[in-house]
Protein backbone atom coordinates (compact mmCIF):
# COMPACT_ATOMS: atom_id res chain seq x y z
CA MET A 1 -6.77 1.37 72.70
CA SER A 2 -9.62 2.19 75.68
CA ILE A 3 -12.59 0.23 76.00
CA PHE A 4 -15.56 1.17 78.12
CA ILE A 5 -18.44 -1.76 78.75
CA ARG A 6 -21.68 -0.35 79.99
CA ASN A 7 -23.97 -2.05 82.37
CA ILE A 8 -22.99 -6.22 81.26
CA LEU A 9 -23.75 -9.12 83.63
CA ALA A 10 -20.20 -9.55 84.33
CA ALA A 11 -19.20 -13.28 85.70
CA VAL A 12 -17.11 -12.13 88.63
CA PRO A 13 -15.31 -13.86 91.52
CA ASP A 14 -17.10 -13.37 95.22
CA ALA A 15 -15.55 -13.04 98.26
CA GLU A 16 -15.13 -17.72 97.89
CA LYS A 17 -13.52 -17.01 94.82
CA THR A 18 -16.40 -19.34 93.39
CA VAL A 19 -18.17 -16.77 90.57
CA VAL A 20 -21.36 -14.37 90.55
CA THR A 21 -22.79 -12.55 87.71
CA LYS A 22 -23.93 -9.02 88.66
CA PRO A 23 -24.12 -5.56 86.43
CA TYR A 24 -20.90 -3.53 85.92
CA HIS A 25 -19.59 -0.97 84.01
CA ILE A 26 -15.98 -1.74 82.66
CA TYR A 27 -13.14 0.32 81.33
CA ILE A 28 -10.18 -1.06 79.92
CA LYS A 29 -7.40 0.90 78.78
CA GLU A 30 -3.60 -0.50 78.12
CA GLY A 31 -4.76 -3.86 77.55
CA ARG A 32 -5.57 -4.56 81.44
CA ILE A 33 -8.99 -3.98 82.76
CA SER A 34 -8.30 -0.60 84.69
CA TYR A 35 -11.81 0.09 86.29
CA MET A 36 -15.01 -1.84 87.36
CA GLU A 37 -18.11 -0.67 88.85
CA GLU A 38 -20.87 -2.08 90.42
CA CYS A 39 -24.34 -0.70 88.87
CA ALA A 40 -27.39 -2.67 89.92
CA ASP A 41 -29.78 0.34 88.27
CA GLY A 42 -27.52 0.57 85.41
CA ALA A 43 -26.70 4.44 86.37
CA LEU A 44 -22.95 5.93 85.76
CA SER A 45 -21.03 7.17 88.71
CA GLU A 46 -19.54 10.35 87.79
CA LYS A 47 -15.93 8.73 87.46
CA ALA A 48 -17.37 6.13 85.12
CA GLU A 49 -18.92 8.73 83.13
CA SER A 50 -15.50 10.52 82.81
CA PHE A 51 -14.15 6.92 82.02
CA MET A 52 -16.56 6.37 79.15
CA LYS A 53 -16.06 9.91 77.50
CA ASP A 54 -12.36 9.02 77.38
CA ALA A 55 -12.60 5.69 76.04
CA GLU A 56 -12.06 5.07 72.36
CA GLU A 57 -15.05 2.58 71.97
CA VAL A 58 -18.24 2.09 74.21
CA ILE A 59 -19.49 -1.36 74.22
CA GLU A 60 -23.27 -1.23 75.94
CA GLY A 61 -23.98 -4.31 77.83
CA LYS A 62 -27.92 -4.42 77.68
CA ASN A 63 -28.93 -8.10 77.50
CA ARG A 64 -24.83 -9.03 77.20
CA MET A 65 -22.97 -11.12 79.71
CA VAL A 66 -19.11 -10.63 79.74
CA ILE A 67 -16.90 -13.48 81.09
CA PRO A 68 -13.34 -14.25 81.24
CA GLY A 69 -12.19 -15.81 78.24
CA PHE A 70 -11.85 -19.44 78.50
CA VAL A 71 -8.17 -21.27 78.56
CA ASN A 72 -7.81 -24.29 76.30
CA CYS A 73 -5.32 -25.85 78.03
CA HIS A 74 -4.36 -28.58 75.79
CA THR A 75 -4.55 -28.91 71.72
CA HIS A 76 -2.76 -29.04 68.90
CA SER A 77 -3.80 -26.41 66.54
CA TYR A 78 -2.19 -27.35 63.52
CA MET A 79 -4.54 -30.22 63.24
CA SER A 80 -7.63 -28.48 62.31
CA PHE A 81 -7.47 -29.53 58.79
CA MET A 82 -7.36 -32.95 59.85
CA ARG A 83 -10.97 -32.78 60.96
CA ASN A 84 -13.36 -35.51 60.01
CA VAL A 85 -10.71 -37.44 58.25
CA ALA A 86 -9.92 -40.31 61.24
CA ASP A 87 -13.11 -41.36 62.75
CA ASP A 88 -14.59 -44.16 64.47
CA LEU A 89 -10.61 -45.92 64.92
CA ASN A 90 -9.02 -46.98 68.19
CA PHE A 91 -6.30 -44.96 69.44
CA ASN A 92 -3.42 -46.67 67.97
CA ASP A 93 -4.87 -47.07 64.46
CA TRP A 94 -5.94 -43.25 64.28
CA LEU A 95 -2.44 -41.93 65.52
CA PHE A 96 -0.36 -44.27 63.81
CA GLY A 97 -2.51 -45.71 60.74
CA THR A 98 -3.90 -42.18 59.46
CA ILE A 99 -2.96 -38.80 61.77
CA SER A 100 0.54 -39.82 61.39
CA PRO A 101 1.36 -40.62 57.63
CA ILE A 102 -1.02 -37.36 57.24
CA GLU A 103 1.76 -35.55 59.44
CA ASP A 104 4.88 -36.83 57.63
CA ALA A 105 3.06 -35.21 54.22
CA MET A 106 2.33 -32.08 56.14
CA THR A 107 3.80 -29.08 55.00
CA ASP A 108 4.92 -25.86 57.32
CA GLU A 109 2.46 -23.73 55.51
CA ASP A 110 0.00 -26.64 55.93
CA ALA A 111 0.75 -25.91 59.66
CA TYR A 112 0.45 -22.53 59.61
CA TRP A 113 -3.27 -22.34 57.78
CA GLY A 114 -4.50 -25.24 60.26
CA ALA A 115 -3.26 -22.81 63.32
CA ASN A 116 -4.81 -20.09 61.96
CA LEU A 117 -8.04 -22.14 61.03
CA ALA A 118 -7.85 -23.11 64.68
CA ILE A 119 -7.79 -20.08 66.09
CA LEU A 120 -10.76 -18.43 64.12
CA GLU A 121 -12.79 -21.20 65.93
CA MET A 122 -11.85 -20.52 69.26
CA MET A 123 -11.75 -17.02 69.22
CA SER A 124 -15.08 -17.38 67.55
CA THR A 125 -16.14 -19.57 70.81
CA GLY A 126 -15.20 -17.74 73.51
CA THR A 127 -11.15 -19.41 73.98
CA THR A 128 -8.59 -16.05 74.45
CA CYS A 129 -5.71 -18.50 75.65
CA PHE A 130 -4.70 -21.94 74.67
CA ASN A 131 -1.86 -24.43 75.38
CA ASP A 132 -0.54 -25.93 72.02
CA MET A 133 1.60 -28.47 71.38
CA GLN A 134 3.07 -28.24 67.94
CA MET A 135 5.40 -30.06 65.17
CA ASN A 136 6.25 -27.18 62.86
CA ILE A 137 8.31 -24.40 64.36
CA HIS A 138 7.24 -20.68 63.73
CA GLN A 139 3.77 -21.86 62.38
CA THR A 140 1.21 -21.84 65.10
CA THR A 141 3.38 -18.97 66.96
CA ARG A 142 3.17 -16.71 63.46
CA ALA A 143 -0.68 -17.48 63.02
CA VAL A 144 -1.13 -16.63 67.23
CA LYS A 145 1.19 -13.26 67.00
CA GLU A 146 -0.77 -12.38 63.50
CA SER A 147 -4.34 -12.88 64.97
CA GLY A 148 -3.97 -11.01 68.27
CA MET A 149 -4.50 -14.44 70.40
CA ARG A 150 -2.99 -15.44 73.24
CA ALA A 151 -1.20 -19.20 73.67
CA VAL A 152 1.34 -21.21 75.37
CA ILE A 153 3.27 -23.05 72.73
CA SER A 154 5.53 -26.56 73.03
CA ARG A 155 7.57 -27.87 70.72
CA GLY A 156 6.39 -31.96 70.26
CA LEU A 157 9.69 -33.47 71.73
CA VAL A 158 10.55 -37.24 71.02
CA GLY A 159 13.80 -38.54 71.52
CA SER A 160 15.89 -41.61 73.03
CA GLY A 161 18.31 -40.95 75.42
CA ASN A 162 21.08 -38.12 73.85
CA ASP A 163 20.02 -38.98 70.49
CA GLU A 164 20.88 -36.02 67.71
CA ALA A 165 17.06 -36.25 67.02
CA GLY A 166 15.81 -35.43 70.38
CA GLN A 167 18.69 -32.72 70.72
CA MET A 168 17.68 -31.16 67.00
CA ARG A 169 13.91 -30.77 68.62
CA LEU A 170 14.96 -28.92 71.82
CA ARG A 171 17.18 -26.36 69.79
CA GLN A 172 14.35 -26.06 67.88
CA ALA A 173 12.08 -25.07 70.92
CA TYR A 174 14.85 -22.53 72.29
CA GLU A 175 14.82 -21.38 68.43
CA GLU A 176 10.98 -20.85 68.32
CA ARG A 177 11.13 -19.28 71.67
CA ASP A 178 13.99 -16.73 71.15
CA ALA A 179 13.00 -16.01 67.70
CA PHE A 180 9.13 -14.82 69.02
CA ALA A 181 10.32 -13.06 72.56
CA ASP A 182 9.04 -9.96 71.14
CA CYS A 183 5.37 -10.87 71.51
CA ASP A 184 4.25 -10.77 75.44
CA ARG A 185 1.04 -12.94 74.30
CA LEU A 186 3.11 -15.97 73.62
CA SER A 187 4.91 -18.15 76.32
CA PHE A 188 6.73 -21.58 75.89
CA PHE A 189 6.94 -24.67 77.75
CA LEU A 190 8.74 -28.30 76.86
CA GLY A 191 6.44 -30.53 75.34
CA PRO A 192 8.05 -33.95 75.19
CA HIS A 193 5.33 -35.77 73.26
CA ALA A 194 4.69 -39.16 75.56
CA PRO A 195 6.16 -41.87 77.60
CA TYR A 196 5.86 -44.15 74.37
CA THR A 197 7.70 -41.77 72.14
CA CYS A 198 9.94 -40.52 74.94
CA ASP A 199 12.37 -42.86 76.62
CA GLU A 200 13.15 -42.29 80.51
CA ASP A 201 16.86 -41.13 79.43
CA PHE A 202 15.63 -38.29 77.15
CA LEU A 203 12.80 -37.55 79.73
CA ARG A 204 15.38 -36.98 82.25
CA ILE A 205 17.30 -34.76 79.74
CA VAL A 206 13.90 -32.31 79.28
CA ALA A 207 13.21 -32.12 83.04
CA ALA A 208 16.60 -31.07 83.35
CA GLU A 209 16.25 -28.90 80.42
CA GLY A 210 13.04 -27.13 82.06
CA ALA A 211 14.55 -26.25 85.11
CA LYS A 212 17.70 -24.60 83.68
CA ASN A 213 15.56 -22.70 81.32
CA ASP A 214 12.51 -21.83 83.38
CA MET A 215 10.43 -23.80 81.49
CA GLY A 216 7.22 -25.86 82.35
CA ILE A 217 6.36 -29.20 81.02
CA HIS A 218 3.54 -30.35 78.87
CA ILE A 219 2.79 -33.94 78.14
CA HIS A 220 0.46 -36.70 77.13
CA LEU A 221 0.08 -39.29 80.15
CA SER A 222 -1.82 -42.27 80.56
CA GLU A 223 -4.42 -41.86 77.86
CA SER A 224 -4.92 -45.46 77.21
CA ARG A 225 -5.11 -48.84 78.09
CA THR A 226 -2.00 -49.75 75.92
CA GLU A 227 -0.33 -46.94 76.70
CA MET A 228 -0.53 -48.19 80.95
CA GLU A 229 0.07 -51.79 79.70
CA ASN A 230 3.19 -51.00 77.54
CA CYS A 231 4.63 -48.30 80.69
CA TYR A 232 4.31 -51.22 83.03
CA THR A 233 5.97 -53.82 80.96
CA ARG A 234 8.85 -51.51 79.78
CA TYR A 235 9.23 -49.56 83.17
CA GLY A 236 7.57 -51.18 86.08
CA CYS A 237 5.35 -48.64 86.87
CA THR A 238 2.65 -46.12 85.47
CA PRO A 239 3.40 -43.29 82.71
CA ILE A 240 2.77 -40.56 85.66
CA GLU A 241 5.12 -42.43 87.93
CA LEU A 242 7.75 -42.39 85.07
CA ALA A 243 7.47 -38.71 84.78
CA GLU A 244 7.90 -38.59 88.69
CA ARG A 245 10.70 -40.19 88.67
CA ALA A 246 12.35 -38.49 85.76
CA GLY A 247 11.91 -34.91 87.49
CA LEU A 248 9.43 -34.06 85.07
CA PHE A 249 6.98 -32.61 88.12
CA ASP A 250 9.98 -30.70 89.73
CA GLY A 251 8.53 -27.50 88.32
CA PRO A 252 5.54 -26.67 86.89
CA ALA A 253 4.25 -29.22 84.69
CA ILE A 254 0.48 -29.77 82.73
CA ALA A 255 -0.14 -33.64 82.21
CA ALA A 256 -2.77 -34.21 79.06
CA HIS A 257 -5.68 -36.98 79.76
CA CYS A 258 -4.56 -38.65 82.54
CA VAL A 259 -7.40 -41.14 82.00
CA TYR A 260 -6.32 -44.07 83.87
CA ALA A 261 -4.59 -42.13 86.71
CA THR A 262 -4.42 -44.80 89.86
CA ASP A 263 -5.28 -43.71 93.46
CA GLU A 264 -1.42 -43.24 93.79
CA ASP A 265 -0.99 -41.51 90.82
CA MET A 266 -3.38 -38.83 91.93
CA GLU A 267 -1.55 -38.61 95.20
CA ILE A 268 1.72 -37.88 92.98
CA LEU A 269 -0.21 -35.51 90.87
CA ALA A 270 -1.34 -33.67 93.99
CA GLU A 271 1.58 -33.41 95.73
CA LYS A 272 3.92 -32.19 93.38
CA LYS A 273 1.25 -29.50 92.06
CA VAL A 274 0.86 -31.09 88.47
CA SER A 275 -2.19 -29.82 86.39
CA VAL A 276 -4.43 -32.15 84.91
CA VAL A 277 -6.13 -30.91 81.61
CA THR A 278 -9.01 -33.44 80.87
CA ASN A 279 -10.37 -34.00 77.39
CA PRO A 280 -13.89 -35.53 77.72
CA ALA A 281 -14.68 -35.64 74.11
CA SER A 282 -11.42 -36.64 72.63
CA ASN A 283 -11.30 -39.35 75.27
CA MET A 284 -14.86 -40.44 74.44
CA LYS A 285 -14.66 -40.43 70.65
CA LEU A 286 -11.27 -42.58 70.88
CA GLY A 287 -12.81 -45.00 72.97
CA ASN A 288 -10.48 -44.30 76.11
CA GLY A 289 -13.11 -43.66 78.70
CA PHE A 290 -13.35 -40.80 81.35
CA ALA A 291 -10.56 -39.42 83.69
CA PRO A 292 -11.55 -39.80 87.26
CA ILE A 293 -11.81 -35.92 87.32
CA PRO A 294 -14.27 -35.44 90.80
CA LYS A 295 -11.51 -38.10 92.46
CA MET A 296 -8.65 -35.69 91.03
CA MET A 297 -10.30 -32.78 92.29
CA ARG A 298 -11.23 -34.16 96.03
CA ALA A 299 -7.09 -35.46 96.28
CA GLY A 300 -5.82 -31.45 95.55
CA VAL A 301 -5.30 -31.47 91.76
CA ASN A 302 -5.81 -28.51 90.05
CA VAL A 303 -8.02 -29.88 86.91
CA CYS A 304 -8.07 -27.66 83.67
CA LEU A 305 -10.20 -28.34 80.37
CA GLY A 306 -9.30 -28.63 76.73
CA THR A 307 -10.54 -29.98 73.53
CA ASP A 308 -7.00 -31.66 72.01
CA GLY A 309 -6.80 -31.34 68.61
CA ALA A 310 -9.60 -31.24 65.90
CA ALA A 311 -8.58 -34.87 64.65
CA SER A 312 -9.58 -36.28 67.73
CA ASN A 313 -12.49 -34.14 68.82
CA ASN A 314 -13.48 -32.48 65.43
CA CYS A 315 -14.33 -29.27 67.28
CA LEU A 316 -12.01 -26.90 69.78
CA ASN A 317 -15.39 -25.24 71.09
CA MET A 318 -14.95 -25.06 74.94
CA PHE A 319 -18.95 -24.55 75.69
CA HIS A 320 -18.98 -28.07 74.46
CA GLU A 321 -16.22 -29.47 76.62
CA LEU A 322 -17.72 -27.33 79.41
CA SER A 323 -20.86 -29.00 79.17
CA LEU A 324 -19.79 -32.75 78.76
CA LEU A 325 -16.99 -32.12 82.04
CA THR A 326 -20.52 -30.97 83.93
CA LEU A 327 -22.38 -33.74 82.33
CA ILE A 328 -20.62 -36.75 81.85
CA HIS A 329 -19.15 -37.26 85.39
CA LYS A 330 -22.60 -37.19 86.88
CA GLY A 331 -23.98 -39.56 85.02
CA VAL A 332 -21.01 -42.15 85.18
CA GLY A 333 -20.70 -41.62 88.91
CA ASN A 334 -24.58 -41.74 89.48
CA THR A 335 -24.54 -38.08 91.27
CA ALA A 336 -25.57 -34.82 90.25
CA GLN A 337 -23.23 -33.14 92.97
CA CYS A 338 -19.84 -34.41 91.83
CA ILE A 339 -18.71 -31.30 89.33
CA SER A 340 -21.15 -28.19 89.59
CA ALA A 341 -21.53 -25.64 86.98
CA LYS A 342 -19.28 -23.23 89.02
CA ASP A 343 -16.65 -26.16 89.20
CA GLY A 344 -16.97 -26.28 85.84
CA PHE A 345 -16.60 -22.39 84.95
CA ARG A 346 -13.37 -22.12 87.45
CA ILE A 347 -11.72 -25.09 85.54
CA ALA A 348 -11.89 -23.85 82.23
CA THR A 349 -10.93 -20.42 83.52
CA ILE A 350 -8.72 -19.78 86.57
CA ASN A 351 -7.60 -23.17 86.74
CA GLY A 352 -6.62 -23.18 83.00
CA ALA A 353 -4.78 -19.95 84.16
CA ARG A 354 -3.09 -21.59 87.11
CA ALA A 355 -2.21 -24.47 85.06
CA LEU A 356 -0.07 -21.72 82.46
CA CYS A 357 1.03 -19.86 85.50
CA MET A 358 -0.64 -16.92 84.23
CA GLU A 359 -3.49 -16.95 86.89
CA LYS A 360 -2.30 -13.41 88.05
CA GLU A 361 -2.95 -11.64 84.51
CA ILE A 362 -5.57 -13.56 82.93
CA GLY A 363 -8.82 -16.23 83.81
CA SER A 364 -11.01 -13.87 86.35
CA ILE A 365 -12.57 -10.41 85.76
CA GLU A 366 -10.73 -8.46 88.11
CA VAL A 367 -8.85 -4.73 87.97
CA GLY A 368 -5.17 -5.10 87.07
CA LYS A 369 -5.55 -8.28 84.98
CA LYS A 370 -5.26 -8.82 81.20
CA ALA A 371 -8.68 -7.91 79.40
CA ASP A 372 -8.67 -11.22 77.92
CA LEU A 373 -12.72 -11.25 77.70
CA ALA A 374 -15.52 -12.85 75.46
CA ILE A 375 -18.96 -10.93 75.64
CA LEU A 376 -22.11 -13.16 74.87
CA ASN A 377 -25.16 -12.15 73.59
CA ILE A 378 -27.79 -13.39 76.56
CA ASP A 379 -31.07 -12.34 74.39
CA THR A 380 -31.22 -16.05 72.79
CA PRO A 381 -34.41 -18.79 73.42
CA SER A 382 -31.80 -20.91 75.27
CA PHE A 383 -30.57 -18.28 77.93
CA MET A 384 -34.60 -17.50 78.75
CA PRO A 385 -35.02 -16.68 81.80
CA ASN A 386 -31.55 -14.98 82.49
CA ASN A 387 -31.86 -16.37 86.31
CA ASN A 388 -28.87 -18.38 86.70
CA LEU A 389 -26.34 -17.34 84.26
CA ILE A 390 -23.23 -19.58 85.25
CA ALA A 391 -25.55 -22.69 84.96
CA GLY A 392 -26.43 -21.97 81.60
CA LEU A 393 -22.93 -21.46 80.02
CA SER A 394 -22.64 -25.33 81.17
CA TYR A 395 -26.07 -26.66 80.51
CA SER A 396 -27.43 -24.26 77.96
CA ALA A 397 -24.96 -22.27 75.82
CA ASN A 398 -23.22 -23.81 72.60
CA GLY A 399 -20.43 -20.70 71.54
CA SER A 400 -22.51 -19.25 69.41
CA GLU A 401 -23.52 -16.80 71.84
CA VAL A 402 -20.10 -14.97 71.74
CA GLU A 403 -20.59 -11.97 70.14
CA THR A 404 -17.63 -10.07 70.91
CA VAL A 405 -14.23 -10.93 71.96
CA ILE A 406 -11.12 -8.68 73.54
CA ILE A 407 -7.68 -10.06 73.84
CA ASP A 408 -4.63 -8.12 75.24
CA GLY A 409 -7.10 -5.00 75.58
CA LYS A 410 -8.04 -5.33 72.01
CA ILE A 411 -11.23 -5.91 69.82
CA THR A 412 -10.74 -9.37 68.05
CA MET A 413 -13.98 -10.20 66.78
CA LYS A 414 -17.09 -7.73 66.90
CA ASN A 415 -20.64 -8.46 66.38
CA ARG A 416 -19.03 -12.20 65.41
CA GLU A 417 -17.17 -10.23 62.40
CA PHE A 418 -13.09 -11.27 62.79
CA LEU A 419 -11.38 -7.81 62.63
CA THR A 420 -7.46 -9.50 62.80
CA MET A 421 -8.01 -12.25 60.65
CA ASP A 422 -9.09 -13.20 56.99
CA LYS A 423 -11.65 -16.19 57.26
CA GLU A 424 -12.19 -16.22 53.81
CA ARG A 425 -8.60 -16.64 52.94
CA ILE A 426 -8.21 -19.01 55.56
CA TYR A 427 -10.74 -20.81 54.21
CA PHE A 428 -9.49 -20.60 50.61
CA GLU A 429 -6.09 -22.29 51.80
CA ILE A 430 -7.41 -25.03 53.86
CA ARG A 431 -9.35 -26.14 50.51
CA LYS A 432 -6.25 -26.20 48.99
CA ILE A 433 -4.34 -28.17 51.55
CA MET A 434 -7.49 -31.07 51.06
CA LYS A 435 -7.28 -31.35 47.89
CA ARG A 436 -3.34 -31.66 47.36
CA MET A 437 -3.45 -34.31 50.44
CA GLY A 438 -6.35 -36.05 48.65
CA LEU A 439 -8.31 -35.49 51.89
CA ASP A 440 -11.37 -33.86 50.20
CA GLU A 441 -12.06 -37.15 47.80
CA LYS A 442 -11.73 -40.23 50.45
CA GLU A 443 -14.87 -41.86 51.49
CA TYR A 444 -15.12 -41.78 55.26
């Protein structure tokens, strides 16, 4: 499919690789950004006009802004049907008292429809790629392939030493990777769940498997005080130190949360080039606190942004997360300069692409990159005046401004209508799940 976007304000990298907004004509062909032309007065050059005539679809950019699609670097998409069922609980009661029993009762089809609902929400709020940890192989991947979304999938791994249960999950991870090798919008990492569900011997096995199979690592680390205390008691070190000595950081690695990272931990993360995913809403909601993100950034850690699952956040809207990221640390640190709107934008886009080893393909609007884009209607009261649109993304937008989404050069949502997904069918199936599992009748 070929698409020409005419005279639109585009968030593009500047010479310092930050970001600026300028009016552009953009031509997309064969899934990539093929041509870009700056157009201060909206006029078309002869070359741009020829591309526009060639295009199968022309999108008028008046009163519109185009951004690289957000990269949600940590979520559990299957959990979207668990939204609003485990609220106002501490972390252990939330996980072991409520969520784990629901997961035990969940079927493969439940996970599939949960992933579909999550993709609907993410797509509608400008996310074009997500990094997922899941339990039911073939279900999230099937939803991604059918929907046109882009994702990196990790089968959640739990194990003790070389036990059969852990080995079975590893086999499932490889089976899923091989079964979806024909979809270039899908990539795969290994997902050891956390130090409290994987012992050190199993973590070493996973690290070796990742190195042998050229697969990155996606793991939860240092999310709660209890996790920190138990890790010290059992191993005499922090969860981040444990992961490092087990070899999990010897290749590409993504560490979700890192709320309680110590100064020594941050040195390890920077030295080993580990990407840290901050999930501010989820961490706040579960009473876990805030990751020391400004300190990590100063240490040279690649920080990216995630929503976590809808069971602990209740929404998968990266605009919400971006707003929290750029506001919370100002308040906690008593300084307005710690994370700027431009910092937040990079964290939500190119930093996420870098974490997923995709920075040469996605995460910024540049010729040659994949056309993963979100087009926003900025003809709204909250975006008026249009004088600093990057600031507006953090401090004014709420996600409803996203009008059209392009992934891999194909339009998946146009004028807020989904072109690749059946929204009403998904809603119907989610309601069935809630009724069957008794989640629609409980008083919360």
